[in-house]
Amino acid sequence: MKKLMLLTSMLVFGLAISNAQEIKFGAKAGVNFASLGGDLKDVDGRTSFHIGAVAEIVISQQFSFQPELVYSSQGFKVNGTDYTIGVAIDVEQTLKLEYINLPLMAKFYVAEQFAIEAGPQIGFLVAAKSKIESTSNGTSESNTEDVKDFYKGIDFGLGAGVSYKLENGLFFGARYNLGLSNISENGNAEIADDFETQNNVIQVSVGYFF
């Protein structure tokens, strides 16, 4: 399925370029509300950010194709309490997954400036760090570990959302990115062989077309 998605995305991109009436370039940035789905339970979302470049390839008055190149900080948080010899230890773990994402969005303008959009997304993992903070009797400790080996280097997903573009080039968008592939690197001592997790991210953006 992953190869089919990649080939289909490349074909759509090529067709869009060949039929373009106009190409606009811009930049975007915004907030992420990220978490992980699948077998991982009882975790909280992580609020972070994304920033990147966009291009809108205008096919017709109602339809455009919008490829993007976006740096996206994702992951999750989890809080809990451990007890050691009757002493309570509050523990917070933050998993930071840093991706370079390539969304390939088809945009349909249902009104002059308002569009709905959907399309596949390919993500490339550039860093993964787990930070554990523990607090007991007013004393805090923090430890950060590189966990990139526990996660796959490529992620596939599907995005859907809405956007509104002003005549001066300023635009606003909201999108949900649903992970379709298992990002856990199975076969190591940290997780079971059949453990699966997927990226789930809500993004709210503001950008500008030059």
N, C-alpha and C. Protein backbone atom coordinates (compact mmCIF):
# COMPACT_ATOMS: atom_id res chain seq x y z
N MET A 1 0.83 -1.20 0.00
CA MET A 1 0.00 0.00 0.00
C MET A 1 0.87 1.26 0.00
N LYS A 2 2.02 1.20 0.73
CA LYS A 2 2.89 2.36 0.81
C LYS A 2 3.46 2.71 -0.56
N LYS A 3 3.91 1.68 -1.30
CA LYS A 3 4.46 1.93 -2.63
C LYS A 3 3.39 2.48 -3.57
N LEU A 4 2.16 1.97 -3.45
CA LEU A 4 1.07 2.45 -4.28
C LEU A 4 0.78 3.92 -3.98
N MET A 5 0.77 4.29 -2.70
CA MET A 5 0.53 5.68 -2.33
C MET A 5 1.61 6.58 -2.90
N LEU A 6 2.87 6.14 -2.81
CA LEU A 6 3.98 6.95 -3.30
C LEU A 6 3.91 7.13 -4.81
N LEU A 7 3.65 6.06 -5.54
CA LEU A 7 3.55 6.14 -6.99
C LEU A 7 2.37 7.00 -7.43
N THR A 8 1.23 6.85 -6.73
CA THR A 8 0.05 7.65 -7.05
C THR A 8 0.31 9.11 -6.80
N SER A 9 0.98 9.44 -5.70
CA SER A 9 1.30 10.83 -5.37
C SER A 9 2.20 11.45 -6.42
N MET A 10 3.21 10.70 -6.86
CA MET A 10 4.12 11.21 -7.88
C MET A 10 3.40 11.43 -9.21
N LEU A 11 2.48 10.53 -9.55
CA LEU A 11 1.72 10.67 -10.79
C LEU A 11 0.83 11.90 -10.74
N VAL A 12 0.14 12.10 -9.60
CA VAL A 12 -0.74 13.26 -9.45
C VAL A 12 0.07 14.54 -9.53
N PHE A 13 1.23 14.55 -8.88
CA PHE A 13 2.10 15.73 -8.91
C PHE A 13 2.51 16.07 -10.34
N GLY A 14 2.91 15.05 -11.10
CA GLY A 14 3.31 15.27 -12.48
C GLY A 14 2.18 15.79 -13.35
N LEU A 15 0.99 15.23 -13.18
CA LEU A 15 -0.17 15.67 -13.94
C LEU A 15 -0.54 17.11 -13.60
N ALA A 16 -0.44 17.44 -12.29
CA ALA A 16 -0.79 18.79 -11.87
C ALA A 16 0.15 19.82 -12.50
N ILE A 17 1.46 19.52 -12.50
CA ILE A 17 2.42 20.44 -13.10
C ILE A 17 2.15 20.63 -14.58
N SER A 18 1.84 19.54 -15.28
CA SER A 18 1.65 19.63 -16.73
C SER A 18 0.39 20.38 -17.10
N ASN A 19 -0.59 20.44 -16.18
CA ASN A 19 -1.85 21.11 -16.48
C ASN A 19 -2.01 22.44 -15.74
N ALA A 20 -0.95 22.93 -15.14
CA ALA A 20 -1.04 24.13 -14.31
C ALA A 20 -1.33 25.37 -15.15
N GLN A 21 -2.23 26.21 -14.65
CA GLN A 21 -2.49 27.52 -15.24
C GLN A 21 -1.67 28.60 -14.54
N GLU A 22 -1.36 28.35 -13.25
CA GLU A 22 -0.61 29.32 -12.45
C GLU A 22 -0.01 28.58 -11.26
N ILE A 23 1.17 29.01 -10.82
CA ILE A 23 1.80 28.43 -9.64
C ILE A 23 2.15 29.55 -8.66
N LYS A 24 1.68 29.43 -7.44
CA LYS A 24 1.96 30.41 -6.39
C LYS A 24 2.80 29.74 -5.30
N PHE A 25 3.74 30.51 -4.73
CA PHE A 25 4.60 30.00 -3.67
C PHE A 25 4.36 30.78 -2.39
N GLY A 26 4.53 30.09 -1.26
CA GLY A 26 4.30 30.75 0.00
C GLY A 26 4.93 30.01 1.16
N ALA A 27 4.60 30.47 2.38
CA ALA A 27 5.11 29.87 3.60
C ALA A 27 3.98 29.78 4.61
N LYS A 28 4.11 28.86 5.57
CA LYS A 28 3.09 28.68 6.58
C LYS A 28 3.74 28.28 7.89
N ALA A 29 3.02 28.52 8.98
CA ALA A 29 3.47 28.09 10.30
C ALA A 29 2.23 27.98 11.19
N GLY A 30 2.37 27.24 12.28
CA GLY A 30 1.22 27.11 13.15
C GLY A 30 1.47 26.14 14.29
N VAL A 31 0.39 25.77 14.94
CA VAL A 31 0.43 24.94 16.13
C VAL A 31 -0.01 23.52 15.82
N ASN A 32 0.64 22.55 16.45
CA ASN A 32 0.27 21.14 16.37
C ASN A 32 -0.38 20.69 17.68
N PHE A 33 -1.43 19.90 17.57
CA PHE A 33 -1.99 19.18 18.70
C PHE A 33 -1.82 17.70 18.37
N ALA A 34 -0.71 17.12 18.86
CA ALA A 34 -0.27 15.80 18.41
C ALA A 34 -0.47 14.74 19.47
N SER A 35 -0.65 13.50 19.00
CA SER A 35 -0.69 12.35 19.89
C SER A 35 -0.39 11.11 19.05
N LEU A 36 -0.38 9.95 19.71
CA LEU A 36 -0.18 8.69 19.02
C LEU A 36 -1.38 7.79 19.25
N GLY A 37 -1.84 7.14 18.17
CA GLY A 37 -2.94 6.20 18.26
C GLY A 37 -2.44 4.77 18.23
N GLY A 38 -3.36 3.84 18.05
CA GLY A 38 -2.97 2.43 18.00
C GLY A 38 -3.02 1.77 19.36
N ASP A 39 -1.98 0.98 19.67
CA ASP A 39 -1.96 0.20 20.90
C ASP A 39 -1.52 1.02 22.12
N LEU A 40 -1.02 2.23 21.91
CA LEU A 40 -0.59 3.07 23.02
C LEU A 40 -1.81 3.68 23.69
N LYS A 41 -1.97 3.44 25.01
CA LYS A 41 -3.17 3.89 25.72
C LYS A 41 -2.81 4.89 26.82
N ASP A 42 -3.82 5.67 27.20
CA ASP A 42 -3.73 6.59 28.35
C ASP A 42 -2.59 7.60 28.21
N VAL A 43 -2.42 8.16 27.02
CA VAL A 43 -1.43 9.21 26.83
C VAL A 43 -2.14 10.52 26.52
N ASP A 44 -1.46 11.61 26.85
CA ASP A 44 -1.99 12.94 26.59
C ASP A 44 -1.40 13.49 25.30
N GLY A 45 -2.09 14.46 24.73
CA GLY A 45 -1.58 15.11 23.54
C GLY A 45 -0.41 16.02 23.86
N ARG A 46 0.39 16.29 22.84
CA ARG A 46 1.52 17.21 22.98
C ARG A 46 1.28 18.41 22.06
N THR A 47 1.35 19.61 22.63
CA THR A 47 1.19 20.84 21.85
C THR A 47 2.56 21.30 21.39
N SER A 48 2.71 21.48 20.07
CA SER A 48 4.01 21.84 19.52
C SER A 48 3.79 22.75 18.31
N PHE A 49 4.62 22.63 17.27
CA PHE A 49 4.55 23.59 16.16
C PHE A 49 4.89 22.91 14.84
N HIS A 50 4.58 23.62 13.76
CA HIS A 50 5.03 23.24 12.42
C HIS A 50 5.36 24.49 11.64
N ILE A 51 6.25 24.36 10.66
CA ILE A 51 6.64 25.50 9.82
C ILE A 51 7.16 24.96 8.50
N GLY A 52 6.84 25.66 7.41
CA GLY A 52 7.30 25.13 6.13
C GLY A 52 6.92 25.99 4.94
N ALA A 53 7.16 25.42 3.76
CA ALA A 53 6.89 26.09 2.49
C ALA A 53 5.75 25.40 1.77
N VAL A 54 4.98 26.18 1.00
CA VAL A 54 3.85 25.65 0.25
C VAL A 54 3.89 26.18 -1.18
N ALA A 55 3.25 25.44 -2.07
CA ALA A 55 3.05 25.90 -3.44
C ALA A 55 1.63 25.53 -3.85
N GLU A 56 0.93 26.45 -4.46
CA GLU A 56 -0.41 26.16 -4.97
C GLU A 56 -0.37 26.15 -6.50
N ILE A 57 -0.65 24.99 -7.06
CA ILE A 57 -0.66 24.82 -8.50
C ILE A 57 -2.10 24.90 -8.97
N VAL A 58 -2.44 26.00 -9.59
CA VAL A 58 -3.82 26.26 -9.99
C VAL A 58 -4.15 25.49 -11.27
N ILE A 59 -5.13 24.59 -11.19
CA ILE A 59 -5.56 23.81 -12.35
C ILE A 59 -6.76 24.47 -13.02
N SER A 60 -7.69 24.93 -12.21
CA SER A 60 -8.88 25.62 -12.72
C SER A 60 -9.35 26.58 -11.64
N GLN A 61 -10.45 27.26 -11.89
CA GLN A 61 -10.97 28.22 -10.92
C GLN A 61 -11.41 27.52 -9.63
N GLN A 62 -11.85 26.27 -9.73
CA GLN A 62 -12.34 25.54 -8.57
C GLN A 62 -11.33 24.54 -7.98
N PHE A 63 -10.31 24.18 -8.74
CA PHE A 63 -9.43 23.09 -8.29
C PHE A 63 -7.97 23.50 -8.35
N SER A 64 -7.24 23.15 -7.26
CA SER A 64 -5.80 23.39 -7.19
C SER A 64 -5.12 22.17 -6.56
N PHE A 65 -3.82 22.10 -6.77
CA PHE A 65 -3.00 21.07 -6.13
C PHE A 65 -1.95 21.78 -5.29
N GLN A 66 -1.81 21.38 -4.01
CA GLN A 66 -0.94 22.09 -3.09
C GLN A 66 0.08 21.15 -2.44
N PRO A 67 1.28 21.04 -2.98
CA PRO A 67 2.35 20.31 -2.31
C PRO A 67 3.00 21.21 -1.25
N GLU A 68 3.48 20.59 -0.17
CA GLU A 68 4.09 21.34 0.92
C GLU A 68 5.35 20.61 1.40
N LEU A 69 6.24 21.35 2.03
CA LEU A 69 7.40 20.79 2.70
C LEU A 69 7.42 21.39 4.10
N VAL A 70 7.13 20.57 5.11
CA VAL A 70 6.83 21.09 6.45
C VAL A 70 7.66 20.38 7.51
N TYR A 71 8.32 21.16 8.37
CA TYR A 71 8.93 20.62 9.57
C TYR A 71 7.86 20.56 10.65
N SER A 72 7.64 19.37 11.21
CA SER A 72 6.54 19.16 12.15
C SER A 72 7.03 18.46 13.40
N SER A 73 6.79 19.07 14.56
CA SER A 73 7.17 18.50 15.84
C SER A 73 5.96 17.79 16.44
N GLN A 74 6.07 16.48 16.68
CA GLN A 74 4.93 15.66 17.07
C GLN A 74 5.26 14.84 18.32
N GLY A 75 4.45 13.83 18.63
CA GLY A 75 4.71 12.99 19.79
C GLY A 75 3.56 12.95 20.77
N PHE A 76 3.89 12.82 22.07
CA PHE A 76 2.85 12.75 23.11
C PHE A 76 3.45 13.07 24.46
N LYS A 77 2.57 13.21 25.46
CA LYS A 77 2.96 13.32 26.86
C LYS A 77 2.18 12.30 27.67
N VAL A 78 2.76 11.85 28.77
CA VAL A 78 2.05 10.96 29.68
C VAL A 78 2.50 11.27 31.11
N ASN A 79 1.54 11.31 32.02
CA ASN A 79 1.83 11.60 33.43
C ASN A 79 1.40 10.42 34.28
N GLY A 80 2.14 10.19 35.35
CA GLY A 80 1.81 9.10 36.25
C GLY A 80 2.51 9.25 37.59
N THR A 81 2.19 8.37 38.51
CA THR A 81 2.80 8.38 39.83
C THR A 81 3.30 6.98 40.16
N ASP A 82 4.57 6.88 40.52
CA ASP A 82 5.17 5.63 40.97
C ASP A 82 5.38 5.70 42.48
N TYR A 83 5.40 4.54 43.10
CA TYR A 83 5.63 4.47 44.54
C TYR A 83 6.83 3.57 44.81
N THR A 84 7.84 4.12 45.50
CA THR A 84 9.03 3.37 45.88
C THR A 84 9.21 3.44 47.39
N ILE A 85 9.08 2.32 48.05
CA ILE A 85 9.16 2.22 49.52
C ILE A 85 8.22 3.24 50.16
N GLY A 86 7.03 3.31 49.62
CA GLY A 86 6.01 4.19 50.18
C GLY A 86 6.15 5.65 49.81
N VAL A 87 7.12 6.00 49.01
CA VAL A 87 7.34 7.39 48.60
C VAL A 87 6.77 7.60 47.20
N ALA A 88 5.92 8.64 47.07
CA ALA A 88 5.29 8.93 45.78
C ALA A 88 6.26 9.70 44.88
N ILE A 89 6.39 9.25 43.63
CA ILE A 89 7.23 9.92 42.65
C ILE A 89 6.37 10.27 41.45
N ASP A 90 6.19 11.56 41.21
CA ASP A 90 5.43 12.02 40.04
C ASP A 90 6.33 12.00 38.81
N VAL A 91 5.84 11.35 37.76
CA VAL A 91 6.65 11.16 36.55
C VAL A 91 5.91 11.72 35.34
N GLU A 92 6.61 12.52 34.54
CA GLU A 92 6.07 13.01 33.27
C GLU A 92 7.03 12.64 32.16
N GLN A 93 6.53 11.93 31.15
CA GLN A 93 7.34 11.58 29.99
C GLN A 93 6.83 12.34 28.77
N THR A 94 7.76 12.93 28.03
CA THR A 94 7.44 13.63 26.79
C THR A 94 8.23 12.98 25.66
N LEU A 95 7.50 12.48 24.66
CA LEU A 95 8.15 11.94 23.47
C LEU A 95 8.06 12.98 22.36
N LYS A 96 9.23 13.39 21.86
CA LYS A 96 9.29 14.38 20.79
C LYS A 96 9.73 13.69 19.51
N LEU A 97 8.83 13.64 18.54
CA LEU A 97 9.12 13.08 17.22
C LEU A 97 9.17 14.23 16.22
N GLU A 98 10.33 14.42 15.60
CA GLU A 98 10.52 15.53 14.66
C GLU A 98 10.53 14.98 13.24
N TYR A 99 9.62 15.51 12.41
CA TYR A 99 9.46 15.01 11.04
C TYR A 99 9.65 16.13 10.01
N ILE A 100 10.13 15.76 8.85
CA ILE A 100 9.98 16.55 7.63
C ILE A 100 8.85 15.89 6.84
N ASN A 101 7.72 16.57 6.75
CA ASN A 101 6.54 16.02 6.09
C ASN A 101 6.34 16.62 4.70
N LEU A 102 5.85 15.78 3.80
CA LEU A 102 5.52 16.20 2.44
C LEU A 102 4.05 15.92 2.17
N PRO A 103 3.15 16.86 2.54
CA PRO A 103 1.74 16.69 2.19
C PRO A 103 1.50 17.05 0.73
N LEU A 104 0.64 16.28 0.07
CA LEU A 104 0.26 16.52 -1.32
C LEU A 104 -1.25 16.65 -1.36
N MET A 105 -1.73 17.89 -1.27
CA MET A 105 -3.14 18.14 -1.03
C MET A 105 -3.87 18.59 -2.30
N ALA A 106 -5.00 17.96 -2.53
CA ALA A 106 -5.92 18.42 -3.56
C ALA A 106 -6.90 19.40 -2.92
N LYS A 107 -7.09 20.56 -3.54
CA LYS A 107 -7.94 21.61 -2.98
C LYS A 107 -9.12 21.88 -3.91
N PHE A 108 -10.31 21.85 -3.34
CA PHE A 108 -11.51 22.17 -4.11
C PHE A 108 -12.17 23.38 -3.48
N TYR A 109 -12.29 24.46 -4.28
CA TYR A 109 -12.88 25.71 -3.78
C TYR A 109 -14.40 25.63 -3.87
N VAL A 110 -15.03 25.51 -2.71
CA VAL A 110 -16.49 25.47 -2.64
C VAL A 110 -17.07 26.87 -2.67
N ALA A 111 -16.24 27.87 -2.40
CA ALA A 111 -16.60 29.27 -2.53
C ALA A 111 -15.36 29.98 -3.09
N GLU A 112 -15.45 31.26 -3.35
CA GLU A 112 -14.37 31.97 -4.03
C GLU A 112 -13.05 31.88 -3.28
N GLN A 113 -13.07 31.93 -1.96
CA GLN A 113 -11.83 31.93 -1.17
C GLN A 113 -11.75 30.77 -0.18
N PHE A 114 -12.79 29.97 -0.08
CA PHE A 114 -12.86 28.90 0.91
C PHE A 114 -12.71 27.54 0.22
N ALA A 115 -11.78 26.71 0.71
CA ALA A 115 -11.50 25.43 0.06
C ALA A 115 -11.50 24.29 1.07
N ILE A 116 -11.93 23.12 0.60
CA ILE A 116 -11.71 21.90 1.35
C ILE A 116 -10.54 21.17 0.69
N GLU A 117 -9.75 20.44 1.49
CA GLU A 117 -8.54 19.84 0.95
C GLU A 117 -8.33 18.45 1.55
N ALA A 118 -7.73 17.59 0.76
CA ALA A 118 -7.43 16.24 1.22
C ALA A 118 -6.32 15.67 0.36
N GLY A 119 -5.54 14.75 0.95
CA GLY A 119 -4.48 14.13 0.19
C GLY A 119 -3.53 13.34 1.08
N PRO A 120 -2.61 12.60 0.46
CA PRO A 120 -1.66 11.79 1.22
C PRO A 120 -0.52 12.64 1.77
N GLN A 121 0.17 12.07 2.75
CA GLN A 121 1.33 12.73 3.34
C GLN A 121 2.43 11.69 3.58
N ILE A 122 3.65 12.05 3.23
CA ILE A 122 4.82 11.23 3.50
C ILE A 122 5.69 11.96 4.51
N GLY A 123 6.10 11.28 5.57
CA GLY A 123 6.91 11.90 6.61
C GLY A 123 8.25 11.20 6.76
N PHE A 124 9.30 11.99 7.01
CA PHE A 124 10.65 11.47 7.21
C PHE A 124 11.12 11.86 8.61
N LEU A 125 11.35 10.87 9.45
CA LEU A 125 11.75 11.13 10.84
C LEU A 125 13.20 11.63 10.89
N VAL A 126 13.40 12.79 11.53
CA VAL A 126 14.75 13.34 11.64
C VAL A 126 15.29 13.26 13.06
N ALA A 127 14.42 13.14 14.07
CA ALA A 127 14.88 13.03 15.46
C ALA A 127 13.75 12.47 16.31
N ALA A 128 14.13 11.74 17.36
CA ALA A 128 13.17 11.22 18.32
C ALA A 128 13.83 11.18 19.69
N LYS A 129 13.27 11.92 20.63
CA LYS A 129 13.84 11.99 21.98
C LYS A 129 12.75 11.81 23.02
N SER A 130 13.09 11.07 24.06
CA SER A 130 12.19 10.84 25.18
C SER A 130 12.75 11.55 26.41
N LYS A 131 11.96 12.46 26.98
CA LYS A 131 12.37 13.21 28.17
C LYS A 131 11.51 12.77 29.35
N ILE A 132 12.15 12.32 30.42
CA ILE A 132 11.45 11.87 31.62
C ILE A 132 11.82 12.79 32.77
N GLU A 133 10.81 13.42 33.38
CA GLU A 133 10.99 14.28 34.54
C GLU A 133 10.30 13.65 35.74
N SER A 134 11.03 13.48 36.82
CA SER A 134 10.47 12.89 38.04
C SER A 134 10.62 13.86 39.19
N THR A 135 9.58 13.92 40.03
CA THR A 135 9.57 14.84 41.17
C THR A 135 9.14 14.08 42.41
N SER A 136 9.93 14.22 43.49
CA SER A 136 9.61 13.55 44.76
C SER A 136 10.12 14.40 45.91
N ASN A 137 9.21 14.71 46.86
CA ASN A 137 9.57 15.51 48.05
C ASN A 137 10.24 16.83 47.68
N GLY A 138 9.73 17.45 46.61
CA GLY A 138 10.24 18.74 46.19
C GLY A 138 11.52 18.70 45.39
N THR A 139 12.03 17.51 45.11
CA THR A 139 13.26 17.36 44.33
C THR A 139 12.92 16.82 42.94
N SER A 140 13.46 17.48 41.92
CA SER A 140 13.16 17.10 40.54
C SER A 140 14.41 16.60 39.83
N GLU A 141 14.22 15.62 38.96
CA GLU A 141 15.28 15.11 38.11
C GLU A 141 14.77 15.01 36.68
N SER A 142 15.68 15.19 35.73
CA SER A 142 15.29 15.13 34.32
C SER A 142 16.32 14.33 33.55
N ASN A 143 15.83 13.51 32.62
CA ASN A 143 16.72 12.69 31.80
C ASN A 143 16.16 12.63 30.38
N THR A 144 17.01 12.87 29.40
CA THR A 144 16.61 12.83 27.98
C THR A 144 17.40 11.74 27.27
N GLU A 145 16.69 10.94 26.48
CA GLU A 145 17.31 9.81 25.78
C GLU A 145 16.94 9.84 24.29
N ASP A 146 17.90 9.53 23.45
CA ASP A 146 17.65 9.41 22.02
C ASP A 146 16.99 8.05 21.76
N VAL A 147 15.76 8.08 21.19
CA VAL A 147 15.01 6.84 20.96
C VAL A 147 14.68 6.68 19.47
N LYS A 148 15.48 7.29 18.61
CA LYS A 148 15.19 7.22 17.18
C LYS A 148 15.19 5.80 16.65
N ASP A 149 16.02 4.93 17.23
CA ASP A 149 16.09 3.54 16.77
C ASP A 149 14.80 2.77 17.04
N PHE A 150 13.92 3.31 17.89
CA PHE A 150 12.67 2.63 18.22
C PHE A 150 11.53 2.98 17.27
N TYR A 151 11.81 3.88 16.30
CA TYR A 151 10.75 4.35 15.40
C TYR A 151 11.22 4.30 13.95
N LYS A 152 10.30 4.00 13.07
CA LYS A 152 10.62 3.87 11.65
C LYS A 152 10.92 5.22 11.03
N GLY A 153 11.77 5.19 10.02
CA GLY A 153 12.22 6.43 9.40
C GLY A 153 11.21 7.08 8.48
N ILE A 154 10.23 6.32 7.99
CA ILE A 154 9.24 6.86 7.05
C ILE A 154 7.83 6.61 7.58
N ASP A 155 7.00 7.63 7.48
CA ASP A 155 5.61 7.55 7.93
C ASP A 155 4.70 7.92 6.77
N PHE A 156 3.56 7.24 6.67
CA PHE A 156 2.56 7.55 5.66
C PHE A 156 1.25 7.92 6.35
N GLY A 157 0.58 8.95 5.83
CA GLY A 157 -0.66 9.39 6.43
C GLY A 157 -1.60 9.98 5.40
N LEU A 158 -2.74 10.42 5.90
CA LEU A 158 -3.76 11.05 5.07
C LEU A 158 -4.25 12.29 5.78
N GLY A 159 -4.25 13.41 5.06
CA GLY A 159 -4.68 14.68 5.63
C GLY A 159 -5.98 15.16 5.03
N ALA A 160 -6.77 15.86 5.84
CA ALA A 160 -8.02 16.46 5.37
C ALA A 160 -8.27 17.73 6.19
N GLY A 161 -8.78 18.76 5.53
CA GLY A 161 -9.02 20.00 6.26
C GLY A 161 -9.69 21.05 5.41
N VAL A 162 -9.62 22.27 5.89
CA VAL A 162 -10.22 23.43 5.21
C VAL A 162 -9.22 24.58 5.23
N SER A 163 -9.39 25.50 4.30
CA SER A 163 -8.53 26.69 4.27
C SER A 163 -9.32 27.87 3.73
N TYR A 164 -8.86 29.06 4.13
CA TYR A 164 -9.50 30.30 3.67
C TYR A 164 -8.39 31.27 3.27
N LYS A 165 -8.46 31.76 2.04
CA LYS A 165 -7.40 32.61 1.50
C LYS A 165 -7.95 34.01 1.19
N LEU A 166 -7.27 35.02 1.71
CA LEU A 166 -7.64 36.40 1.43
C LEU A 166 -7.03 36.86 0.11
N GLU A 167 -7.56 37.92 -0.44
CA GLU A 167 -7.07 38.41 -1.73
C GLU A 167 -5.65 38.93 -1.66
N ASN A 168 -5.19 39.35 -0.47
CA ASN A 168 -3.82 39.85 -0.34
C ASN A 168 -2.77 38.75 -0.18
N GLY A 169 -3.21 37.46 -0.22
CA GLY A 169 -2.28 36.34 -0.12
C GLY A 169 -2.24 35.68 1.23
N LEU A 170 -2.76 36.33 2.26
CA LEU A 170 -2.79 35.73 3.59
C LEU A 170 -3.82 34.59 3.62
N PHE A 171 -3.47 33.47 4.25
CA PHE A 171 -4.42 32.36 4.32
C PHE A 171 -4.37 31.69 5.69
N PHE A 172 -5.47 31.02 6.01
CA PHE A 172 -5.62 30.31 7.28
C PHE A 172 -6.08 28.89 6.98
N GLY A 173 -5.64 27.94 7.80
CA GLY A 173 -6.02 26.56 7.55
C GLY A 173 -6.12 25.73 8.82
N ALA A 174 -6.93 24.70 8.75
CA ALA A 174 -7.05 23.71 9.82
C ALA A 174 -7.08 22.33 9.17
N ARG A 175 -6.29 21.40 9.71
CA ARG A 175 -6.14 20.10 9.06
C ARG A 175 -5.96 19.00 10.11
N TYR A 176 -6.50 17.82 9.78
CA TYR A 176 -6.27 16.64 10.60
C TYR A 176 -5.45 15.64 9.80
N ASN A 177 -4.32 15.23 10.35
CA ASN A 177 -3.46 14.26 9.70
C ASN A 177 -3.57 12.92 10.43
N LEU A 178 -4.08 11.93 9.74
CA LEU A 178 -4.29 10.60 10.29
C LEU A 178 -3.16 9.67 9.83
N GLY A 179 -2.43 9.10 10.78
CA GLY A 179 -1.37 8.17 10.43
C GLY A 179 -1.93 6.86 9.94
N LEU A 180 -1.40 6.36 8.82
CA LEU A 180 -1.86 5.10 8.25
C LEU A 180 -0.87 3.96 8.46
N SER A 181 0.35 4.28 8.82
CA SER A 181 1.37 3.23 8.96
C SER A 181 1.84 3.13 10.41
N ASN A 182 2.30 1.94 10.77
CA ASN A 182 2.86 1.70 12.10
C ASN A 182 4.25 2.32 12.17
N ILE A 183 4.45 3.26 13.11
CA ILE A 183 5.75 3.93 13.20
C ILE A 183 6.68 3.25 14.19
N SER A 184 6.19 2.27 14.96
CA SER A 184 7.04 1.58 15.93
C SER A 184 7.98 0.62 15.21
N GLU A 185 9.24 0.65 15.60
CA GLU A 185 10.23 -0.25 15.03
C GLU A 185 10.21 -1.54 15.84
N ASN A 186 9.44 -2.51 15.39
CA ASN A 186 9.27 -3.75 16.14
C ASN A 186 10.54 -4.60 16.13
N GLY A 187 10.58 -5.54 17.06
CA GLY A 187 11.70 -6.45 17.10
C GLY A 187 12.82 -6.03 18.04
N ASN A 188 12.57 -5.06 18.93
CA ASN A 188 13.58 -4.72 19.93
C ASN A 188 13.04 -5.00 21.32
N ALA A 189 13.87 -4.83 22.32
CA ALA A 189 13.51 -5.24 23.68
C ALA A 189 12.52 -4.30 24.34
N GLU A 190 12.30 -3.13 23.75
CA GLU A 190 11.44 -2.14 24.40
C GLU A 190 9.96 -2.38 24.16
N ILE A 191 9.60 -3.03 23.05
CA ILE A 191 8.20 -3.19 22.69
C ILE A 191 7.95 -4.59 22.16
N ALA A 192 6.70 -4.99 22.21
CA ALA A 192 6.34 -6.30 21.68
C ALA A 192 6.39 -6.28 20.16
N ASP A 193 6.55 -7.45 19.57
CA ASP A 193 6.68 -7.54 18.12
C ASP A 193 5.43 -7.08 17.38
N ASP A 194 4.26 -7.20 18.03
CA ASP A 194 3.01 -6.84 17.36
C ASP A 194 2.47 -5.49 17.83
N PHE A 195 3.30 -4.68 18.49
CA PHE A 195 2.87 -3.38 18.98
C PHE A 195 2.81 -2.38 17.83
N GLU A 196 1.71 -1.63 17.74
CA GLU A 196 1.55 -0.68 16.65
C GLU A 196 1.14 0.69 17.19
N THR A 197 1.71 1.73 16.62
CA THR A 197 1.33 3.11 16.93
C THR A 197 1.30 3.91 15.64
N GLN A 198 0.42 4.91 15.60
CA GLN A 198 0.30 5.79 14.44
C GLN A 198 0.26 7.25 14.90
N ASN A 199 0.81 8.12 14.07
CA ASN A 199 0.76 9.56 14.34
C ASN A 199 -0.64 10.11 14.07
N ASN A 200 -1.15 10.92 15.00
CA ASN A 200 -2.39 11.66 14.79
C ASN A 200 -2.13 13.12 15.17
N VAL A 201 -2.38 14.04 14.24
CA VAL A 201 -2.03 15.43 14.48
C VAL A 201 -3.13 16.35 13.95
N ILE A 202 -3.55 17.29 14.79
CA ILE A 202 -4.41 18.40 14.36
C ILE A 202 -3.52 19.62 14.19
N GLN A 203 -3.61 20.28 13.03
CA GLN A 203 -2.79 21.45 12.75
C GLN A 203 -3.66 22.66 12.46
N VAL A 204 -3.31 23.78 13.07
CA VAL A 204 -3.93 25.07 12.78
C VAL A 204 -2.82 25.99 12.27
N SER A 205 -3.01 26.55 11.07
CA SER A 205 -1.92 27.27 10.40
C SER A 205 -2.34 28.65 9.95
N VAL A 206 -1.33 29.49 9.78
CA VAL A 206 -1.48 30.76 9.08
C VAL A 206 -0.32 30.88 8.12
N GLY A 207 -0.59 31.42 6.93
CA GLY A 207 0.48 31.50 5.94
C GLY A 207 0.27 32.66 4.98
N TYR A 208 1.17 32.73 4.02
CA TYR A 208 1.11 33.83 3.05
C TYR A 208 1.65 33.37 1.71
N PHE A 209 0.90 33.64 0.65
CA PHE A 209 1.36 33.40 -0.72
C PHE A 209 1.96 34.69 -1.26
N PHE A 210 3.19 34.59 -1.77
CA PHE A 210 3.91 35.77 -2.24
C PHE A 210 3.44 36.20 -3.62
